[in-house]
Amino acid sequence: MSSNSSSSRSNRNPKLKRRTPSPPSRREIGKKSSEDDDNDSSSAPRYTAYPTTLLVRNLSQDTRPEDLRIPFESFGPMNDVYLPKNYHTGKPTGFGFVKYRNAEDAAEAKHHMNNQIICGHQISVVFSKEDAKRPEQMLAKEHDS
């Protein structure tokens, strides 16, 4: 009887079905409502289908962080712009990282900024597979090897 009573309990009120959370769908890139801005809380984690860090390739040796920050921040709030340098020579590496707070903003920036000209170079923008490593992290990795 216990199996019947459990099934009859679930059928008593069909409107009160047990719901499991469904994975969020990808938002249409570029569309934001004012409701999103009102409900946006930096402390609340957001599920994202995209990473938040972009790898920007083919940068000029003269590129400064503000040369990336200005055009990229038009797509949304950013956490960081990082242009790594060769640890031993101190020379620019020719690539950089742009980290956004929201993955949707990063996806929009990637779409619009890929193949644009910055400081005389046509840049390539892709999603970064992992976050940028700071010199301290690279030095620690070098010592561990």
Protein backbone atom coordinates (compact mmCIF):
# COMPACT_ATOMS: atom_id res chain seq x y z
CA MET A 1 0.00 0.00 0.00
CA SER A 2 2.90 2.32 0.55
CA SER A 3 3.62 2.44 -3.19
CA ASN A 4 -0.01 3.34 -3.92
CA SER A 5 -0.17 6.01 -1.25
CA SER A 6 2.98 7.74 -2.55
CA SER A 7 1.65 7.76 -6.11
CA SER A 8 -1.76 8.97 -4.98
CA ARG A 9 -0.10 11.83 -3.07
CA SER A 10 1.65 13.07 -6.16
CA ASN A 11 -1.62 12.91 -8.15
CA ARG A 12 -3.81 14.73 -5.63
CA ASN A 13 -3.10 18.17 -6.96
CA PRO A 14 -1.78 18.07 -10.51
CA LYS A 15 -1.05 21.82 -10.45
CA LEU A 16 1.53 21.35 -7.69
CA LYS A 17 4.03 19.24 -9.57
CA ARG A 18 7.52 18.97 -8.25
CA ARG A 19 9.69 21.11 -10.47
CA THR A 20 13.35 20.62 -11.04
CA PRO A 21 15.34 23.63 -12.15
CA SER A 22 15.86 23.62 -15.86
CA PRO A 23 19.11 24.90 -17.29
CA PRO A 24 18.83 28.53 -18.29
CA SER A 25 18.63 29.20 -21.99
CA ARG A 26 21.18 31.40 -23.70
CA ARG A 27 20.00 34.97 -23.81
CA GLU A 28 19.83 36.55 -27.18
CA ILE A 29 23.16 38.37 -27.57
CA GLY A 30 22.87 42.14 -27.48
CA LYS A 31 19.40 42.37 -25.96
CA LYS A 32 19.16 43.68 -22.44
CA SER A 33 16.10 44.95 -20.68
CA SER A 34 15.94 47.55 -17.96
CA GLU A 35 14.71 44.73 -15.72
CA ASP A 36 18.10 43.02 -16.14
CA ASP A 37 19.87 46.14 -14.91
CA ASP A 38 17.56 46.48 -11.91
CA ASN A 39 17.98 42.85 -10.89
CA ASP A 40 21.71 42.65 -11.63
CA SER A 41 23.55 41.90 -8.43
CA SER A 42 27.30 41.48 -8.49
CA SER A 43 27.10 39.06 -5.55
CA ALA A 44 24.65 36.71 -7.26
CA PRO A 45 26.35 34.07 -9.41
CA ARG A 46 25.07 33.85 -12.97
CA TYR A 47 25.04 30.65 -14.99
CA THR A 48 26.73 31.32 -18.30
CA ALA A 49 27.28 29.37 -21.44
CA TYR A 50 30.29 31.52 -22.30
CA PRO A 51 33.48 32.40 -20.44
CA THR A 52 33.97 35.98 -19.25
CA THR A 53 37.58 36.42 -20.38
CA LEU A 54 38.57 37.28 -23.94
CA LEU A 55 41.99 36.71 -25.47
CA VAL A 56 42.94 39.56 -27.81
CA ARG A 57 45.68 38.63 -30.28
CA ASN A 58 47.87 40.54 -32.72
CA LEU A 59 48.33 43.65 -30.60
CA SER A 60 50.89 46.28 -31.46
CA GLN A 61 53.97 46.50 -29.25
CA ASP A 62 52.78 50.03 -28.36
CA THR A 63 49.27 49.01 -27.21
CA ARG A 64 48.36 50.29 -23.74
CA PRO A 65 45.59 48.90 -21.50
CA GLU A 66 43.43 51.99 -22.11
CA ASP A 67 43.66 51.32 -25.87
CA LEU A 68 41.65 48.15 -25.20
CA ARG A 69 39.59 49.38 -22.27
CA ILE A 70 37.95 52.26 -24.14
CA PRO A 71 36.47 50.29 -27.08
CA PHE A 72 35.76 47.11 -25.10
CA GLU A 73 33.98 48.74 -22.14
CA SER A 74 31.18 49.91 -24.43
CA PHE A 75 29.86 46.31 -24.29
CA GLY A 76 29.52 46.13 -20.51
CA PRO A 77 31.25 46.41 -17.15
CA MET A 78 34.75 45.00 -17.09
CA ASN A 79 36.90 43.61 -14.29
CA ASP A 80 40.33 43.87 -15.88
CA VAL A 81 42.47 44.54 -18.93
CA TYR A 82 45.82 42.79 -18.78
CA LEU A 83 48.65 43.03 -21.29
CA PRO A 84 51.32 40.52 -20.28
CA LYS A 85 55.00 41.12 -20.90
CA ASN A 86 57.78 38.61 -21.34
CA TYR A 87 59.05 37.93 -17.83
CA HIS A 88 62.73 37.90 -18.83
CA THR A 89 62.86 40.71 -21.43
CA GLY A 90 60.01 42.94 -20.24
CA LYS A 91 58.78 43.35 -23.82
CA PRO A 92 55.07 43.12 -24.72
CA THR A 93 53.90 39.69 -25.85
CA GLY A 94 51.50 40.96 -28.55
CA PHE A 95 48.34 39.66 -26.87
CA GLY A 96 46.15 40.65 -23.96
CA PHE A 97 43.15 39.69 -21.86
CA VAL A 98 39.89 41.53 -21.33
CA LYS A 99 37.81 40.21 -18.44
CA TYR A 100 34.11 41.07 -18.19
CA ARG A 101 31.77 40.72 -15.24
CA ASN A 102 29.08 39.05 -17.39
CA ALA A 103 29.56 36.38 -20.00
CA GLU A 104 26.87 37.87 -22.24
CA ASP A 105 28.85 41.11 -22.47
CA ALA A 106 32.02 39.17 -23.30
CA ALA A 107 30.20 37.28 -26.08
CA GLU A 108 28.87 40.52 -27.54
CA ALA A 109 32.32 42.15 -27.41
CA LYS A 110 33.90 39.12 -29.06
CA HIS A 111 31.37 39.26 -31.87
CA HIS A 112 31.76 42.99 -32.52
CA MET A 113 35.48 43.50 -31.83
CA ASN A 114 36.94 40.55 -33.73
CA ASN A 115 38.88 41.80 -36.79
CA GLN A 116 38.74 45.46 -35.70
CA ILE A 117 41.78 47.72 -36.01
CA ILE A 118 43.47 48.82 -32.77
CA CYS A 119 46.73 50.79 -32.81
CA GLY A 120 47.16 49.98 -36.51
CA HIS A 121 46.77 46.20 -36.12
CA GLN A 122 43.81 44.01 -37.03
CA ILE A 123 43.06 42.16 -33.81
CA SER A 124 41.69 38.68 -33.32
CA VAL A 125 39.33 38.13 -30.36
CA VAL A 126 38.53 34.67 -28.99
CA PHE A 127 37.26 33.29 -25.70
CA SER A 128 40.12 32.55 -23.34
CA LYS A 129 40.33 28.92 -22.24
CA GLU A 130 41.56 30.01 -18.83
CA ASP A 131 42.07 33.25 -16.96
CA ALA A 132 45.19 35.32 -17.46
CA LYS A 133 48.13 34.40 -15.27
CA ARG A 134 49.95 37.15 -13.40
CA PRO A 135 53.79 37.22 -13.34
CA GLU A 136 53.79 35.82 -9.79
CA GLN A 137 51.74 32.83 -10.93
CA MET A 138 54.02 32.17 -13.88
CA LEU A 139 57.12 32.47 -11.70
CA ALA A 140 55.65 30.02 -9.18
CA LYS A 141 54.81 27.62 -12.04
CA GLU A 142 58.37 27.94 -13.37
CA HIS A 143 59.82 27.06 -9.93
CA ASP A 144 57.48 24.07 -9.55
CA SER A 145 58.72 22.50 -12.80
